[in-house]
Amino acid sequence: MKRVLLADDDDALRSALSLLLQTRLGVTVIAEASSMEVTLDAAHAAQPDLILLDWELPGEPRLRRIEALRSAAPNARLIVASARPEAAQQALADRADAFVNKTDPPEVILAL
């Protein structure tokens, strides 16, 4: 069973995604975060299998986010989500494992 950390500053979206992941995939959402600082702390403490990161998440670091998360949770798979498709190139260049557009249907996220 996958252990997931959800990082998004939109509480409603984070709650809906958590419910979707738990009911459709049977994953365990072990932590939720609404800022980058909380995400890094949760990643370090919980060592999730998967981190779903909102690319526009407020907080520091602004640059090298993927690098910081890889340091905090070296074995976690990192999926970046954004409503801005142009963010994909930068996220993948920073070594994210995958990118998903927030406007994509939930099945796309579930397929990753």
PDB file of N, CA and C in Angstrom:
ATOM      1  N   MET A   1       0.843  -1.184   0.000  1.00  0.00           N
ATOM      2  CA  MET A   1       0.000   0.000   0.000  1.00  0.00           C
ATOM      3  C   MET A   1       0.888   1.247   0.000  1.00  0.00           C
ATOM      4  N   LYS A   2       0.576   2.180  -0.883  1.00  0.00           N
ATOM      5  CA  LYS A   2       1.360   3.412  -0.959  1.00  0.00           C
ATOM      6  C   LYS A   2       0.969   4.391   0.126  1.00  0.00           C
ATOM      7  N   ARG A   3       1.994   5.056   0.636  1.00  0.00           N
ATOM      8  CA  ARG A   3       1.816   6.102   1.645  1.00  0.00           C
ATOM      9  C   ARG A   3       2.091   7.437   0.976  1.00  0.00           C
ATOM     10  N   VAL A   4       1.078   8.320   0.967  1.00  0.00           N
ATOM     11  CA  VAL A   4       1.126   9.535   0.165  1.00  0.00           C
ATOM     12  C   VAL A   4       1.109  10.790   1.030  1.00  0.00           C
ATOM     13  N   LEU A   5       1.909  11.768   0.615  1.00  0.00           N
ATOM     14  CA  LEU A   5       1.901  13.116   1.186  1.00  0.00           C
ATOM     15  C   LEU A   5       1.299  14.037   0.134  1.00  0.00           C
ATOM     16  N   LEU A   6       0.196  14.708   0.482  1.00  0.00           N
ATOM     17  CA  LEU A   6      -0.453  15.660  -0.419  1.00  0.00           C
ATOM     18  C   LEU A   6      -0.060  17.070  -0.019  1.00  0.00           C
ATOM     19  N   ALA A   7       0.468  17.836  -0.961  1.00  0.00           N
ATOM     20  CA  ALA A   7       0.905  19.199  -0.687  1.00  0.00           C
ATOM     21  C   ALA A   7       0.229  20.164  -1.654  1.00  0.00           C
ATOM     22  N   ASP A   8      -0.789  20.863  -1.158  1.00  0.00           N
ATOM     23  CA  ASP A   8      -1.516  21.848  -1.957  1.00  0.00           C
ATOM     24  C   ASP A   8      -2.133  22.854  -0.998  1.00  0.00           C
ATOM     25  N   ASP A   9      -2.121  24.136  -1.369  1.00  0.00           N
ATOM     26  CA  ASP A   9      -2.658  25.155  -0.471  1.00  0.00           C
ATOM     27  C   ASP A   9      -4.168  25.316  -0.597  1.00  0.00           C
ATOM     28  N   ASP A  10      -4.797  24.629  -1.537  1.00  0.00           N
ATOM     29  CA  ASP A  10      -6.247  24.674  -1.695  1.00  0.00           C
ATOM     30  C   ASP A  10      -6.854  23.536  -0.855  1.00  0.00           C
ATOM     31  N   ASP A  11      -7.431  23.900   0.288  1.00  0.00           N
ATOM     32  CA  ASP A  11      -7.966  22.892   1.215  1.00  0.00           C
ATOM     33  C   ASP A  11      -9.017  21.994   0.565  1.00  0.00           C
ATOM     34  N   ALA A  12      -9.914  22.586  -0.228  1.00  0.00           N
ATOM     35  CA  ALA A  12     -10.980  21.800  -0.852  1.00  0.00           C
ATOM     36  C   ALA A  12     -10.403  20.809  -1.866  1.00  0.00           C
ATOM     37  N   LEU A  13      -9.467  21.261  -2.668  1.00  0.00           N
ATOM     38  CA  LEU A  13      -8.833  20.368  -3.644  1.00  0.00           C
ATOM     39  C   LEU A  13      -8.063  19.255  -2.951  1.00  0.00           C
ATOM     40  N   ARG A  14      -7.342  19.601  -1.902  1.00  0.00           N
ATOM     41  CA  ARG A  14      -6.557  18.602  -1.164  1.00  0.00           C
ATOM     42  C   ARG A  14      -7.487  17.558  -0.547  1.00  0.00           C
ATOM     43  N   SER A  15      -8.593  17.977   0.024  1.00  0.00           N
ATOM     44  CA  SER A  15      -9.549  17.040   0.631  1.00  0.00           C
ATOM     45  C   SER A  15     -10.172  16.128  -0.419  1.00  0.00           C
ATOM     46  N   ALA A  16     -10.548  16.710  -1.549  1.00  0.00           N
ATOM     47  CA  ALA A  16     -11.155  15.912  -2.617  1.00  0.00           C
ATOM     48  C   ALA A  16     -10.156  14.899  -3.168  1.00  0.00           C
ATOM     49  N   LEU A  17      -8.926  15.330  -3.367  1.00  0.00           N
ATOM     50  CA  LEU A  17      -7.899  14.428  -3.881  1.00  0.00           C
ATOM     51  C   LEU A  17      -7.589  13.325  -2.880  1.00  0.00           C
ATOM     52  N   SER A  18      -7.555  13.671  -1.619  1.00  0.00           N
ATOM     53  CA  SER A  18      -7.315  12.673  -0.579  1.00  0.00           C
ATOM     54  C   SER A  18      -8.404  11.600  -0.602  1.00  0.00           C
ATOM     55  N   LEU A  19      -9.643  12.022  -0.680  1.00  0.00           N
ATOM     56  CA  LEU A  19     -10.763  11.081  -0.731  1.00  0.00           C
ATOM     57  C   LEU A  19     -10.675  10.208  -1.982  1.00  0.00           C
ATOM     58  N   LEU A  20     -10.383  10.821  -3.114  1.00  0.00           N
ATOM     59  CA  LEU A  20     -10.264  10.093  -4.370  1.00  0.00           C
ATOM     60  C   LEU A  20      -9.157   9.045  -4.306  1.00  0.00           C
ATOM     61  N   LEU A  21      -7.998   9.445  -3.826  1.00  0.00           N
ATOM     62  CA  LEU A  21      -6.864   8.510  -3.753  1.00  0.00           C
ATOM     63  C   LEU A  21      -7.140   7.353  -2.794  1.00  0.00           C
ATOM     64  N   GLN A  22      -7.756   7.653  -1.671  1.00  0.00           N
ATOM     65  CA  GLN A  22      -8.016   6.607  -0.686  1.00  0.00           C
ATOM     66  C   GLN A  22      -9.118   5.644  -1.128  1.00  0.00           C
ATOM     67  N   THR A  23     -10.175   6.179  -1.765  1.00  0.00           N
ATOM     68  CA  THR A  23     -11.289   5.309  -2.145  1.00  0.00           C
ATOM     69  C   THR A  23     -11.042   4.582  -3.458  1.00  0.00           C
ATOM     70  N   ARG A  24     -10.368   5.228  -4.419  1.00  0.00           N
ATOM     71  CA  ARG A  24     -10.144   4.599  -5.725  1.00  0.00           C
ATOM     72  C   ARG A  24      -8.893   3.743  -5.769  1.00  0.00           C
ATOM     73  N   LEU A  25      -7.855   4.159  -5.047  1.00  0.00           N
ATOM     74  CA  LEU A  25      -6.588   3.430  -5.118  1.00  0.00           C
ATOM     75  C   LEU A  25      -6.248   2.674  -3.850  1.00  0.00           C
ATOM     76  N   GLY A  26      -6.953   2.962  -2.782  1.00  0.00           N
ATOM     77  CA  GLY A  26      -6.652   2.307  -1.522  1.00  0.00           C
ATOM     78  C   GLY A  26      -5.330   2.734  -0.915  1.00  0.00           C
ATOM     79  N   VAL A  27      -4.850   3.917  -1.291  1.00  0.00           N
ATOM     80  CA  VAL A  27      -3.604   4.409  -0.701  1.00  0.00           C
ATOM     81  C   VAL A  27      -3.897   5.040   0.656  1.00  0.00           C
ATOM     82  N   THR A  28      -2.862   5.231   1.425  1.00  0.00           N
ATOM     83  CA  THR A  28      -2.993   5.886   2.713  1.00  0.00           C
ATOM     84  C   THR A  28      -2.390   7.279   2.604  1.00  0.00           C
ATOM     85  N   VAL A  29      -3.208   8.287   2.825  1.00  0.00           N
ATOM     86  CA  VAL A  29      -2.705   9.659   2.857  1.00  0.00           C
ATOM     87  C   VAL A  29      -2.176   9.867   4.270  1.00  0.00           C
ATOM     88  N   ILE A  30      -0.843   9.906   4.393  1.00  0.00           N
ATOM     89  CA  ILE A  30      -0.226   9.965   5.714  1.00  0.00           C
ATOM     90  C   ILE A  30      -0.010  11.382   6.209  1.00  0.00           C
ATOM     91  N   ALA A  31      -0.055  12.348   5.278  1.00  0.00           N
ATOM     92  CA  ALA A  31       0.113  13.740   5.687  1.00  0.00           C
ATOM     93  C   ALA A  31      -0.421  14.650   4.595  1.00  0.00           C
ATOM     94  N   GLU A  32      -0.881  15.818   5.022  1.00  0.00           N
ATOM     95  CA  GLU A  32      -1.312  16.863   4.107  1.00  0.00           C
ATOM     96  C   GLU A  32      -0.610  18.141   4.517  1.00  0.00           C
ATOM     97  N   ALA A  33      -0.276  18.970   3.530  1.00  0.00           N
ATOM     98  CA  ALA A  33       0.454  20.202   3.815  1.00  0.00           C
ATOM     99  C   ALA A  33      -0.060  21.324   2.923  1.00  0.00           C
ATOM    100  N   SER A  34      -0.049  22.546   3.466  1.00  0.00           N
ATOM    101  CA  SER A  34      -0.510  23.701   2.698  1.00  0.00           C
ATOM    102  C   SER A  34       0.599  24.721   2.454  1.00  0.00           C
ATOM    103  N   SER A  35       1.821  24.372   2.841  1.00  0.00           N
ATOM    104  CA  SER A  35       2.971  25.241   2.573  1.00  0.00           C
ATOM    105  C   SER A  35       4.194  24.367   2.316  1.00  0.00           C
ATOM    106  N   MET A  36       5.185  24.969   1.699  1.00  0.00           N
ATOM    107  CA  MET A  36       6.405  24.209   1.395  1.00  0.00           C
ATOM    108  C   MET A  36       7.136  23.805   2.669  1.00  0.00           C
ATOM    109  N   GLU A  37       7.151  24.693   3.656  1.00  0.00           N
ATOM    110  CA  GLU A  37       7.845  24.378   4.905  1.00  0.00           C
ATOM    111  C   GLU A  37       7.221  23.164   5.598  1.00  0.00           C
ATOM    112  N   VAL A  38       5.886  23.130   5.643  1.00  0.00           N
ATOM    113  CA  VAL A  38       5.189  21.992   6.267  1.00  0.00           C
ATOM    114  C   VAL A  38       5.406  20.728   5.443  1.00  0.00           C
ATOM    115  N   THR A  39       5.440  20.873   4.123  1.00  0.00           N
ATOM    116  CA  THR A  39       5.687  19.731   3.245  1.00  0.00           C
ATOM    117  C   THR A  39       7.046  19.114   3.528  1.00  0.00           C
ATOM    118  N   LEU A  40       8.065  19.946   3.630  1.00  0.00           N
ATOM    119  CA  LEU A  40       9.418  19.430   3.907  1.00  0.00           C
ATOM    120  C   LEU A  40       9.479  18.735   5.262  1.00  0.00           C
ATOM    121  N   ASP A  41       8.859  19.336   6.280  1.00  0.00           N
ATOM    122  CA  ASP A  41       8.841  18.707   7.603  1.00  0.00           C
ATOM    123  C   ASP A  41       8.122  17.362   7.566  1.00  0.00           C
ATOM    124  N   ALA A  42       6.965  17.331   6.890  1.00  0.00           N
ATOM    125  CA  ALA A  42       6.183  16.091   6.809  1.00  0.00           C
ATOM    126  C   ALA A  42       6.925  15.026   6.004  1.00  0.00           C
ATOM    127  N   ALA A  43       7.584  15.424   4.936  1.00  0.00           N
ATOM    128  CA  ALA A  43       8.343  14.467   4.120  1.00  0.00           C
ATOM    129  C   ALA A  43       9.466  13.851   4.933  1.00  0.00           C
ATOM    130  N   HIS A  44      10.157  14.668   5.680  1.00  0.00           N
ATOM    131  CA  HIS A  44      11.258  14.176   6.506  1.00  0.00           C
ATOM    132  C   HIS A  44      10.753  13.237   7.605  1.00  0.00           C
ATOM    133  N   ALA A  45       9.678  13.622   8.272  1.00  0.00           N
ATOM    134  CA  ALA A  45       9.161  12.835   9.397  1.00  0.00           C
ATOM    135  C   ALA A  45       8.465  11.552   8.952  1.00  0.00           C
ATOM    136  N   ALA A  46       7.677  11.620   7.877  1.00  0.00           N
ATOM    137  CA  ALA A  46       6.826  10.491   7.494  1.00  0.00           C
ATOM    138  C   ALA A  46       7.442   9.568   6.450  1.00  0.00           C
ATOM    139  N   GLN A  47       8.434  10.040   5.694  1.00  0.00           N
ATOM    140  CA  GLN A  47       9.059   9.245   4.635  1.00  0.00           C
ATOM    141  C   GLN A  47       8.006   8.578   3.746  1.00  0.00           C
ATOM    142  N   PRO A  48       7.205   9.393   3.034  1.00  0.00           N
ATOM    143  CA  PRO A  48       6.159   8.820   2.177  1.00  0.00           C
ATOM    144  C   PRO A  48       6.743   8.096   0.966  1.00  0.00           C
ATOM    145  N   ASP A  49       5.908   7.270   0.362  1.00  0.00           N
ATOM    146  CA  ASP A  49       6.281   6.603  -0.885  1.00  0.00           C
ATOM    147  C   ASP A  49       6.081   7.541  -2.074  1.00  0.00           C
ATOM    148  N   LEU A  50       5.124   8.460  -1.941  1.00  0.00           N
ATOM    149  CA  LEU A  50       4.753   9.364  -3.019  1.00  0.00           C
ATOM    150  C   LEU A  50       4.433  10.742  -2.456  1.00  0.00           C
ATOM    151  N   ILE A  51       4.942  11.773  -3.116  1.00  0.00           N
ATOM    152  CA  ILE A  51       4.601  13.149  -2.768  1.00  0.00           C
ATOM    153  C   ILE A  51       3.934  13.763  -3.983  1.00  0.00           C
ATOM    154  N   LEU A  52       2.707  14.261  -3.799  1.00  0.00           N
ATOM    155  CA  LEU A  52       2.005  14.978  -4.851  1.00  0.00           C
ATOM    156  C   LEU A  52       2.092  16.453  -4.489  1.00  0.00           C
ATOM    157  N   LEU A  53       2.879  17.205  -5.256  1.00  0.00           N
ATOM    158  CA  LEU A  53       3.250  18.571  -4.934  1.00  0.00           C
ATOM    159  C   LEU A  53       2.632  19.577  -5.882  1.00  0.00           C
ATOM    160  N   ASP A  54       1.911  20.551  -5.330  1.00  0.00           N
ATOM    161  CA  ASP A  54       1.431  21.697  -6.089  1.00  0.00           C
ATOM    162  C   ASP A  54       2.644  22.574  -6.404  1.00  0.00           C
ATOM    163  N   TRP A  55       2.955  22.769  -7.678  1.00  0.00           N
ATOM    164  CA  TRP A  55       4.142  23.513  -8.095  1.00  0.00           C
ATOM    165  C   TRP A  55       4.119  24.956  -7.601  1.00  0.00           C
ATOM    166  N   GLU A  56       2.937  25.517  -7.397  1.00  0.00           N
ATOM    167  CA  GLU A  56       2.812  26.901  -6.934  1.00  0.00           C
ATOM    168  C   GLU A  56       2.611  26.977  -5.413  1.00  0.00           C
ATOM    169  N   LEU A  57       2.913  25.922  -4.707  1.00  0.00           N
ATOM    170  CA  LEU A  57       2.742  25.889  -3.257  1.00  0.00           C
ATOM    171  C   LEU A  57       3.515  27.043  -2.615  1.00  0.00           C
ATOM    172  N   PRO A  58       2.860  27.813  -1.738  1.00  0.00           N
ATOM    173  CA  PRO A  58       3.574  28.924  -1.096  1.00  0.00           C
ATOM    174  C   PRO A  58       4.636  28.424  -0.122  1.00  0.00           C
ATOM    175  N   GLY A  59       5.641  29.257   0.083  1.00  0.00           N
ATOM    176  CA  GLY A  59       6.677  28.945   1.058  1.00  0.00           C
ATOM    177  C   GLY A  59       8.035  28.737   0.424  1.00  0.00           C
ATOM    178  N   GLU A  60       8.996  28.542   1.286  1.00  0.00           N
ATOM    179  CA  GLU A  60      10.394  28.380   0.872  1.00  0.00           C
ATOM    180  C   GLU A  60      10.803  26.920   0.984  1.00  0.00           C
ATOM    181  N   PRO A  61      11.657  26.438   0.152  1.00  0.00           N
ATOM    182  CA  PRO A  61      12.364  27.185  -0.880  1.00  0.00           C
ATOM    183  C   PRO A  61      11.505  27.374  -2.121  1.00  0.00           C
ATOM    184  N   ARG A  62      11.685  28.482  -2.786  1.00  0.00           N
ATOM    185  CA  ARG A  62      10.995  28.757  -4.052  1.00  0.00           C
ATOM    186  C   ARG A  62      11.694  28.031  -5.193  1.00  0.00           C
ATOM    187  N   LEU A  63      13.003  28.013  -5.153  1.00  0.00           N
ATOM    188  CA  LEU A  63      13.807  27.301  -6.158  1.00  0.00           C
ATOM    189  C   LEU A  63      14.304  26.005  -5.533  1.00  0.00           C
ATOM    190  N   ARG A  64      14.645  25.064  -6.340  1.00  0.00           N
ATOM    191  CA  ARG A  64      15.194  23.778  -5.886  1.00  0.00           C
ATOM    192  C   ARG A  64      14.242  23.001  -4.955  1.00  0.00           C
ATOM    193  N   ARG A  65      12.965  23.101  -5.222  1.00  0.00           N
ATOM    194  CA  ARG A  65      11.965  22.402  -4.400  1.00  0.00           C
ATOM    195  C   ARG A  65      12.130  20.888  -4.476  1.00  0.00           C
ATOM    196  N   ILE A  66      12.306  20.400  -5.690  1.00  0.00           N
ATOM    197  CA  ILE A  66      12.439  18.953  -5.877  1.00  0.00           C
ATOM    198  C   ILE A  66      13.696  18.460  -5.166  1.00  0.00           C
ATOM    199  N   GLU A  67      14.775  19.198  -5.309  1.00  0.00           N
ATOM    200  CA  GLU A  67      16.032  18.831  -4.641  1.00  0.00           C
ATOM    201  C   GLU A  67      15.849  18.776  -3.124  1.00  0.00           C
ATOM    202  N   ALA A  68      15.163  19.765  -2.566  1.00  0.00           N
ATOM    203  CA  ALA A  68      14.919  19.794  -1.118  1.00  0.00           C
ATOM    204  C   ALA A  68      14.061  18.605  -0.683  1.00  0.00           C
ATOM    205  N   LEU A  69      13.048  18.275  -1.467  1.00  0.00           N
ATOM    206  CA  LEU A  69      12.197  17.133  -1.129  1.00  0.00           C
ATOM    207  C   LEU A  69      12.940  15.813  -1.282  1.00  0.00           C
ATOM    208  N   ARG A  70      13.798  15.710  -2.262  1.00  0.00           N
ATOM    209  CA  ARG A  70      14.602  14.482  -2.430  1.00  0.00           C
ATOM    210  C   ARG A  70      15.534  14.292  -1.243  1.00  0.00           C
ATOM    211  N   SER A  71      16.029  15.388  -0.695  1.00  0.00           N
ATOM    212  CA  SER A  71      16.873  15.304   0.508  1.00  0.00           C
ATOM    213  C   SER A  71      16.055  14.851   1.716  1.00  0.00           C
ATOM    214  N   ALA A  72      14.837  15.389   1.828  1.00  0.00           N
ATOM    215  CA  ALA A  72      13.981  15.078   2.978  1.00  0.00           C
ATOM    216  C   ALA A  72      13.429  13.654   2.913  1.00  0.00           C
ATOM    217  N   ALA A  73      13.084  13.199   1.725  1.00  0.00           N
ATOM    218  CA  ALA A  73      12.498  11.858   1.544  1.00  0.00           C
ATOM    219  C   ALA A  73      13.097  11.232   0.289  1.00  0.00           C
ATOM    220  N   PRO A  74      14.311  10.695   0.394  1.00  0.00           N
ATOM    221  CA  PRO A  74      15.043  10.239  -0.788  1.00  0.00           C
ATOM    222  C   PRO A  74      14.380   9.123  -1.594  1.00  0.00           C
ATOM    223  N   ASN A  75      13.523   8.346  -0.988  1.00  0.00           N
ATOM    224  CA  ASN A  75      12.907   7.230  -1.704  1.00  0.00           C
ATOM    225  C   ASN A  75      11.518   7.536  -2.248  1.00  0.00           C
ATOM    226  N   ALA A  76      11.038   8.744  -2.023  1.00  0.00           N
ATOM    227  CA  ALA A  76       9.686   9.107  -2.457  1.00  0.00           C
ATOM    228  C   ALA A  76       9.651   9.399  -3.951  1.00  0.00           C
ATOM    229  N   ARG A  77       8.567   9.006  -4.574  1.00  0.00           N
ATOM    230  CA  ARG A  77       8.295   9.391  -5.963  1.00  0.00           C
ATOM    231  C   ARG A  77       7.653  10.770  -5.902  1.00  0.00           C
ATOM    232  N   LEU A  78       8.077  11.688  -6.770  1.00  0.00           N
ATOM    233  CA  LEU A  78       7.593  13.071  -6.739  1.00  0.00           C
ATOM    234  C   LEU A  78       6.788  13.390  -7.990  1.00  0.00           C
ATOM    235  N   ILE A  79       5.513  13.676  -7.785  1.00  0.00           N
ATOM    236  CA  ILE A  79       4.650  14.075  -8.882  1.00  0.00           C
ATOM    237  C   ILE A  79       4.274  15.532  -8.659  1.00  0.00           C
ATOM    238  N   VAL A  80       4.521  16.357  -9.657  1.00  0.00           N
ATOM    239  CA  VAL A  80       4.203  17.777  -9.591  1.00  0.00           C
ATOM    240  C   VAL A  80       2.879  18.017 -10.295  1.00  0.00           C
ATOM    241  N   ALA A  81       2.046  18.843  -9.677  1.00  0.00           N
ATOM    242  CA  ALA A  81       0.761  19.225 -10.260  1.00  0.00           C
ATOM    243  C   ALA A  81       0.715  20.743 -10.408  1.00  0.00           C
ATOM    244  N   SER A  82       0.136  21.189 -11.510  1.00  0.00           N
ATOM    245  CA  SER A  82      -0.022  22.622 -11.739  1.00  0.00           C
ATOM    246  C   SER A  82      -1.135  22.845 -12.748  1.00  0.00           C
ATOM    247  N   ALA A  83      -1.783  23.983 -12.646  1.00  0.00           N
ATOM    248  CA  ALA A  83      -2.779  24.375 -13.639  1.00  0.00           C
ATOM    249  C   ALA A  83      -2.095  25.057 -14.822  1.00  0.00           C
ATOM    250  N   ARG A  84      -0.809  25.305 -14.700  1.00  0.00           N
ATOM    251  CA  ARG A  84      -0.037  25.946 -15.768  1.00  0.00           C
ATOM    252  C   ARG A  84       0.799  24.888 -16.489  1.00  0.00           C
ATOM    253  N   PRO A  85       0.397  24.494 -17.697  1.00  0.00           N
ATOM    254  CA  PRO A  85       1.132  23.461 -18.423  1.00  0.00           C
ATOM    255  C   PRO A  85       2.599  23.807 -18.655  1.00  0.00           C
ATOM    256  N   GLU A  86       2.917  25.090 -18.752  1.00  0.00           N
ATOM    257  CA  GLU A  86       4.311  25.489 -18.970  1.00  0.00           C
ATOM    258  C   GLU A  86       5.207  25.145 -17.783  1.00  0.00           C
ATOM    259  N   ALA A  87       4.633  24.844 -16.633  1.00  0.00           N
ATOM    260  CA  ALA A  87       5.421  24.448 -15.458  1.00  0.00           C
ATOM    261  C   ALA A  87       6.016  23.047 -15.622  1.00  0.00           C
ATOM    262  N   ALA A  88       5.465  22.262 -16.510  1.00  0.00           N
ATOM    263  CA  ALA A  88       5.928  20.877 -16.693  1.00  0.00           C
ATOM    264  C   ALA A  88       7.401  20.813 -17.051  1.00  0.00           C
ATOM    265  N   GLN A  89       7.814  21.652 -17.968  1.00  0.00           N
ATOM    266  CA  GLN A  89       9.207  21.608 -18.419  1.00  0.00           C
ATOM    267  C   GLN A  89      10.169  21.859 -17.265  1.00  0.00           C
ATOM    268  N   GLN A  90       9.895  22.865 -16.445  1.00  0.00           N
ATOM    269  CA  GLN A  90      10.780  23.177 -15.326  1.00  0.00           C
ATOM    270  C   GLN A  90      10.742  22.077 -14.276  1.00  0.00           C
ATOM    271  N   ALA A  91       9.557  21.582 -13.941  1.00  0.00           N
ATOM    272  CA  ALA A  91       9.429  20.527 -12.931  1.00  0.00           C
ATOM    273  C   ALA A  91      10.190  19.273 -13.347  1.00  0.00           C
ATOM    274  N   LEU A  92      10.057  18.893 -14.595  1.00  0.00           N
ATOM    275  CA  LEU A  92      10.748  17.700 -15.073  1.00  0.00           C
ATOM    276  C   LEU A  92      12.249  17.944 -15.183  1.00  0.00           C
ATOM    277  N   ALA A  93      12.646  19.147 -15.545  1.00  0.00           N
ATOM    278  CA  ALA A  93      14.072  19.486 -15.582  1.00  0.00           C
ATOM    279  C   ALA A  93      14.681  19.446 -14.181  1.00  0.00           C
ATOM    280  N   ASP A  94      13.854  19.757 -13.167  1.00  0.00           N
ATOM    281  CA  ASP A  94      14.308  19.700 -11.771  1.00  0.00           C
ATOM    282  C   ASP A  94      14.277  18.279 -11.209  1.00  0.00           C
ATOM    283  N   ARG A  95      13.938  17.296 -12.037  1.00  0.00           N
ATOM    284  CA  ARG A  95      13.937  15.878 -11.694  1.00  0.00           C
ATOM    285  C   ARG A  95      12.679  15.387 -10.984  1.00  0.00           C
ATOM    286  N   ALA A  96      11.547  16.029 -11.242  1.00  0.00           N
ATOM    287  CA  ALA A  96      10.287  15.449 -10.781  1.00  0.00           C
ATOM    288  C   ALA A  96      10.083  14.150 -11.554  1.00  0.00           C
ATOM    289  N   ASP A  97       9.433  13.180 -10.944  1.00  0.00           N
ATOM    290  CA  ASP A  97       9.198  11.906 -11.622  1.00  0.00           C
ATOM    291  C   ASP A  97       8.088  11.995 -12.663  1.00  0.00           C
ATOM    292  N   ALA A  98       7.148  12.913 -12.440  1.00  0.00           N
ATOM    293  CA  ALA A  98       6.031  13.070 -13.372  1.00  0.00           C
ATOM    294  C   ALA A  98       5.390  14.432 -13.152  1.00  0.00           C
ATOM    295  N   PHE A  99       4.599  14.846 -14.137  1.00  0.00           N
ATOM    296  CA  PHE A  99       3.856  16.099 -14.067  1.00  0.00           C
ATOM    297  C   PHE A  99       2.422  15.809 -14.453  1.00  0.00           C
ATOM    298  N   VAL A 100       1.487  16.424 -13.745  1.00  0.00           N
ATOM    299  CA  VAL A 100       0.076  16.297 -14.078  1.00  0.00           C
ATOM    300  C   VAL A 100      -0.535  17.698 -14.056  1.00  0.00           C
ATOM    301  N   ASN A 101      -1.387  17.959 -15.029  1.00  0.00           N
ATOM    302  CA  ASN A 101      -2.084  19.232 -15.069  1.00  0.00           C
ATOM    303  C   ASN A 101      -3.312  19.138 -14.168  1.00  0.00           C
ATOM    304  N   LYS A 102      -3.522  20.137 -13.333  1.00  0.00           N
ATOM    305  CA  LYS A 102      -4.657  20.106 -12.406  1.00  0.00           C
ATOM    306  C   LYS A 102      -5.997  20.106 -13.126  1.00  0.00           C
ATOM    307  N   THR A 103      -6.013  20.479 -14.392  1.00  0.00           N
ATOM    308  CA  THR A 103      -7.273  20.470 -15.142  1.00  0.00           C
ATOM    309  C   THR A 103      -7.541  19.099 -15.768  1.00  0.00           C
ATOM    310  N   ASP A 104      -6.579  18.192 -15.692  1.00  0.00           N
ATOM    311  CA  ASP A 104      -6.784  16.844 -16.215  1.00  0.00           C
ATOM    312  C   ASP A 104      -7.809  16.107 -15.367  1.00  0.00           C
ATOM    313  N   PRO A 105      -8.520  15.161 -15.949  1.00  0.00           N
ATOM    314  CA  PRO A 105      -9.449  14.362 -15.152  1.00  0.00           C
ATOM    315  C   PRO A 105      -8.689  13.533 -14.106  1.00  0.00           C
ATOM    316  N   PRO A 106      -9.352  13.192 -13.019  1.00  0.00           N
ATOM    317  CA  PRO A 106      -8.704  12.436 -11.936  1.00  0.00           C
ATOM    318  C   PRO A 106      -8.065  11.137 -12.400  1.00  0.00           C
ATOM    319  N   GLU A 107      -8.573  10.528 -13.444  1.00  0.00           N
ATOM    320  CA  GLU A 107      -8.020   9.271 -13.932  1.00  0.00           C
ATOM    321  C   GLU A 107      -6.547   9.410 -14.331  1.00  0.00           C
ATOM    322  N   VAL A 108      -6.174  10.601 -14.787  1.00  0.00           N
ATOM    323  CA  VAL A 108      -4.785  10.838 -15.176  1.00  0.00           C
ATOM    324  C   VAL A 108      -3.875  10.740 -13.943  1.00  0.00           C
ATOM    325  N   ILE A 109      -4.292  11.365 -12.848  1.00  0.00           N
ATOM    326  CA  ILE A 109      -3.513  11.280 -11.615  1.00  0.00           C
ATOM    327  C   ILE A 109      -3.456   9.846 -11.134  1.00  0.00           C
ATOM    328  N   LEU A 110      -4.590   9.160 -11.191  1.00  0.00           N
ATOM    329  CA  LEU A 110      -4.635   7.781 -10.709  1.00  0.00           C
ATOM    330  C   LEU A 110      -3.777   6.850 -11.539  1.00  0.00           C
ATOM    331  N   ALA A 111      -3.536   7.201 -12.797  1.00  0.00           N
ATOM    332  CA  ALA A 111      -2.732   6.353 -13.669  1.00  0.00           C
ATOM    333  C   ALA A 111      -1.236   6.483 -13.401  1.00  0.00           C
ATOM    334  N   LEU A 112      -0.818   7.519 -12.694  1.00  0.00           N
ATOM    335  CA  LEU A 112       0.618   7.745 -12.493  1.00  0.00           C
ATOM    336  C   LEU A 112       1.207   6.841 -11.462  1.00  0.00           C
TER     337      LEU A 112
END
